[in-house]
């Protein structure tokens, strides 16, 4: 696997994490608990993804995934 080629499900989970975080930050207290639960769920999916057990799953790859996920949420 290429150094900065992430599995689609991992990239989708990271992108969804940023979308959910943005919703949590933007909305009032209504629904905050649901957003926090979703963030925890997505965090577990990301952290436990099998990609991190490969040689490509380096700390630098974690940073690259976060940057890519964040950039996908920007207009």
N, C-alpha and C. Protein backbone atom coordinates (compact mmCIF):
# COMPACT_ATOMS: atom_id res chain seq x y z
N UNK A 1 0.84 -1.17 0.00
CA UNK A 1 0.00 0.00 0.00
C UNK A 1 0.88 1.24 0.00
N UNK A 2 0.50 2.22 -0.80
CA UNK A 2 1.27 3.45 -0.88
C UNK A 2 1.32 4.14 0.47
N UNK A 3 2.34 4.94 0.66
CA UNK A 3 2.57 5.58 1.94
C UNK A 3 1.38 6.44 2.39
N UNK A 4 0.79 7.21 1.50
CA UNK A 4 -0.32 8.06 1.89
C UNK A 4 -1.63 7.64 1.23
N UNK A 5 -1.75 6.38 0.92
CA UNK A 5 -3.00 5.84 0.40
C UNK A 5 -3.69 5.14 1.56
N UNK A 6 -4.81 5.70 1.97
CA UNK A 6 -5.54 5.14 3.10
C UNK A 6 -6.72 4.32 2.61
N UNK A 7 -7.08 3.28 3.34
CA UNK A 7 -8.28 2.52 2.98
C UNK A 7 -9.49 3.46 3.01
N UNK A 8 -10.42 3.30 2.07
CA UNK A 8 -11.58 4.20 2.01
C UNK A 8 -12.37 4.28 3.31
N UNK A 9 -12.55 3.16 3.99
CA UNK A 9 -13.33 3.20 5.23
C UNK A 9 -12.64 3.98 6.33
N UNK A 10 -11.31 3.94 6.36
CA UNK A 10 -10.55 4.70 7.35
C UNK A 10 -10.65 6.19 7.05
N UNK A 11 -10.49 6.56 5.80
CA UNK A 11 -10.60 7.96 5.41
C UNK A 11 -12.01 8.49 5.66
N UNK A 12 -13.01 7.69 5.36
CA UNK A 12 -14.40 8.09 5.60
C UNK A 12 -14.66 8.29 7.10
N UNK A 13 -14.12 7.42 7.93
CA UNK A 13 -14.30 7.55 9.38
C UNK A 13 -13.63 8.82 9.89
N UNK A 14 -12.44 9.12 9.38
CA UNK A 14 -11.74 10.33 9.83
C UNK A 14 -12.49 11.58 9.38
N UNK A 15 -12.99 11.56 8.16
CA UNK A 15 -13.77 12.70 7.66
C UNK A 15 -15.05 12.87 8.48
N UNK A 16 -15.72 11.77 8.76
CA UNK A 16 -16.95 11.81 9.56
C UNK A 16 -16.64 12.34 10.96
N UNK A 17 -15.47 12.03 11.49
CA UNK A 17 -15.08 12.52 12.80
C UNK A 17 -15.06 14.05 12.80
N UNK A 18 -14.45 14.64 11.78
CA UNK A 18 -14.38 16.11 11.70
C UNK A 18 -15.75 16.73 11.47
N UNK A 19 -16.58 16.10 10.68
CA UNK A 19 -17.94 16.61 10.46
C UNK A 19 -18.71 16.59 11.78
N UNK A 20 -18.63 15.49 12.50
CA UNK A 20 -19.33 15.37 13.78
C UNK A 20 -18.79 16.36 14.79
N UNK A 21 -17.49 16.54 14.83
CA UNK A 21 -16.88 17.50 15.76
C UNK A 21 -17.37 18.91 15.44
N UNK A 22 -17.45 19.24 14.17
CA UNK A 22 -17.96 20.55 13.77
C UNK A 22 -19.39 20.75 14.20
N UNK A 23 -20.20 19.72 14.07
CA UNK A 23 -21.60 19.81 14.51
C UNK A 23 -21.68 20.00 16.02
N UNK A 24 -20.86 19.30 16.75
CA UNK A 24 -20.85 19.42 18.20
C UNK A 24 -20.47 20.85 18.60
N UNK A 25 -19.48 21.40 17.95
CA UNK A 25 -19.02 22.74 18.28
C UNK A 25 -20.03 23.81 17.88
N UNK A 26 -20.78 23.58 16.82
CA UNK A 26 -21.69 24.60 16.28
C UNK A 26 -23.07 24.59 16.92
N UNK A 27 -23.50 23.47 17.42
CA UNK A 27 -24.87 23.36 17.92
C UNK A 27 -24.93 23.64 19.42
N UNK A 28 -26.11 23.97 19.84
CA UNK A 28 -26.35 24.19 21.26
C UNK A 28 -26.26 22.85 22.00
N UNK A 29 -26.57 22.87 23.25
CA UNK A 29 -26.45 21.66 24.07
C UNK A 29 -27.37 20.53 23.60
N UNK A 30 -28.42 20.87 22.85
CA UNK A 30 -29.32 19.84 22.34
C UNK A 30 -28.56 18.91 21.41
N UNK A 31 -28.57 17.65 21.72
CA UNK A 31 -27.92 16.66 20.87
C UNK A 31 -26.43 16.50 21.11
N UNK A 32 -25.90 17.23 22.07
CA UNK A 32 -24.46 17.16 22.32
C UNK A 32 -24.02 15.76 22.73
N UNK A 33 -24.82 15.11 23.54
CA UNK A 33 -24.45 13.76 24.00
C UNK A 33 -24.38 12.79 22.83
N UNK A 34 -25.31 12.91 21.90
CA UNK A 34 -25.29 12.03 20.73
C UNK A 34 -24.05 12.28 19.89
N UNK A 35 -23.67 13.54 19.74
CA UNK A 35 -22.46 13.85 18.97
C UNK A 35 -21.20 13.32 19.68
N UNK A 36 -21.18 13.44 20.99
CA UNK A 36 -20.02 12.92 21.73
C UNK A 36 -19.93 11.40 21.61
N UNK A 37 -21.09 10.72 21.68
CA UNK A 37 -21.08 9.26 21.50
C UNK A 37 -20.58 8.89 20.11
N UNK A 38 -21.02 9.65 19.10
CA UNK A 38 -20.57 9.38 17.73
C UNK A 38 -19.07 9.62 17.60
N UNK A 39 -18.55 10.67 18.23
CA UNK A 39 -17.11 10.92 18.20
C UNK A 39 -16.33 9.77 18.84
N UNK A 40 -16.83 9.27 19.95
CA UNK A 40 -16.15 8.14 20.60
C UNK A 40 -16.17 6.90 19.71
N UNK A 41 -17.31 6.64 19.09
CA UNK A 41 -17.43 5.50 18.18
C UNK A 41 -16.44 5.64 17.02
N UNK A 42 -16.42 6.80 16.39
CA UNK A 42 -15.51 7.01 15.26
C UNK A 42 -14.05 6.94 15.70
N UNK A 43 -13.75 7.47 16.88
CA UNK A 43 -12.38 7.41 17.40
C UNK A 43 -11.92 5.97 17.57
N UNK A 44 -12.83 5.13 18.08
CA UNK A 44 -12.48 3.71 18.23
C UNK A 44 -12.26 3.04 16.88
N UNK A 45 -13.12 3.35 15.91
CA UNK A 45 -12.94 2.78 14.57
C UNK A 45 -11.60 3.16 13.97
N UNK A 46 -11.25 4.43 14.12
CA UNK A 46 -10.00 4.93 13.55
C UNK A 46 -8.80 4.30 14.26
N UNK A 47 -8.81 4.33 15.57
CA UNK A 47 -7.66 3.83 16.34
C UNK A 47 -7.44 2.34 16.18
N UNK A 48 -8.52 1.57 16.03
CA UNK A 48 -8.40 0.11 15.95
C UNK A 48 -8.34 -0.41 14.52
N UNK A 49 -8.28 0.48 13.55
CA UNK A 49 -8.28 0.03 12.16
C UNK A 49 -7.04 -0.81 11.87
N UNK A 50 -7.20 -1.90 11.13
CA UNK A 50 -6.06 -2.77 10.81
C UNK A 50 -4.93 -2.08 10.04
N UNK A 51 -5.23 -0.97 9.40
CA UNK A 51 -4.19 -0.23 8.67
C UNK A 51 -3.01 0.12 9.57
N UNK A 52 -3.30 0.43 10.83
CA UNK A 52 -2.23 0.84 11.75
C UNK A 52 -1.29 -0.30 12.11
N UNK A 53 -1.67 -1.53 11.80
CA UNK A 53 -0.80 -2.68 12.07
C UNK A 53 0.14 -2.97 10.91
N UNK A 54 -0.02 -2.24 9.79
CA UNK A 54 0.86 -2.44 8.64
C UNK A 54 2.09 -1.55 8.77
N UNK A 55 3.05 -1.77 7.90
CA UNK A 55 4.26 -0.94 7.94
C UNK A 55 3.97 0.51 7.57
N UNK A 56 2.87 0.76 6.88
CA UNK A 56 2.50 2.12 6.50
C UNK A 56 1.85 2.88 7.65
N UNK A 57 1.43 2.19 8.69
CA UNK A 57 0.72 2.82 9.80
C UNK A 57 1.65 3.50 10.79
N UNK A 58 2.32 4.53 10.35
CA UNK A 58 3.28 5.26 11.18
C UNK A 58 2.62 6.47 11.84
N UNK A 59 3.29 7.06 12.81
CA UNK A 59 2.76 8.31 13.38
C UNK A 59 2.58 9.40 12.31
N UNK A 60 3.48 9.46 11.36
CA UNK A 60 3.35 10.45 10.28
C UNK A 60 2.10 10.17 9.44
N UNK A 61 1.75 8.90 9.27
CA UNK A 61 0.54 8.55 8.53
C UNK A 61 -0.70 8.99 9.30
N UNK A 62 -0.65 8.91 10.62
CA UNK A 62 -1.79 9.38 11.42
C UNK A 62 -2.01 10.88 11.22
N UNK A 63 -0.92 11.63 11.19
CA UNK A 63 -1.02 13.07 10.95
C UNK A 63 -1.54 13.33 9.54
N UNK A 64 -1.04 12.61 8.57
CA UNK A 64 -1.49 12.78 7.18
C UNK A 64 -2.98 12.45 7.04
N UNK A 65 -3.44 11.41 7.73
CA UNK A 65 -4.85 11.06 7.68
C UNK A 65 -5.70 12.18 8.27
N UNK A 66 -5.27 12.73 9.38
CA UNK A 66 -6.02 13.83 10.00
C UNK A 66 -6.08 15.04 9.08
N UNK A 67 -4.97 15.38 8.46
CA UNK A 67 -4.95 16.52 7.55
C UNK A 67 -5.86 16.28 6.34
N UNK A 68 -5.80 15.09 5.79
CA UNK A 68 -6.63 14.75 4.64
C UNK A 68 -8.11 14.77 5.02
N UNK A 69 -8.45 14.20 6.16
CA UNK A 69 -9.83 14.21 6.62
C UNK A 69 -10.33 15.61 6.88
N UNK A 70 -9.51 16.44 7.49
CA UNK A 70 -9.89 17.83 7.76
C UNK A 70 -10.09 18.59 6.46
N UNK A 71 -9.19 18.40 5.51
CA UNK A 71 -9.29 19.10 4.22
C UNK A 71 -10.53 18.69 3.43
N UNK A 72 -10.98 17.46 3.62
CA UNK A 72 -12.18 17.00 2.90
C UNK A 72 -13.45 17.64 3.44
N UNK A 73 -13.40 18.23 4.63
CA UNK A 73 -14.58 18.87 5.22
C UNK A 73 -14.65 20.36 4.89
N UNK A 74 -13.60 20.89 4.32
CA UNK A 74 -13.59 22.31 3.98
C UNK A 74 -14.18 22.54 2.62
N UNK A 75 -14.95 23.65 2.49
CA UNK A 75 -15.56 23.93 1.17
C UNK A 75 -14.55 24.29 0.10
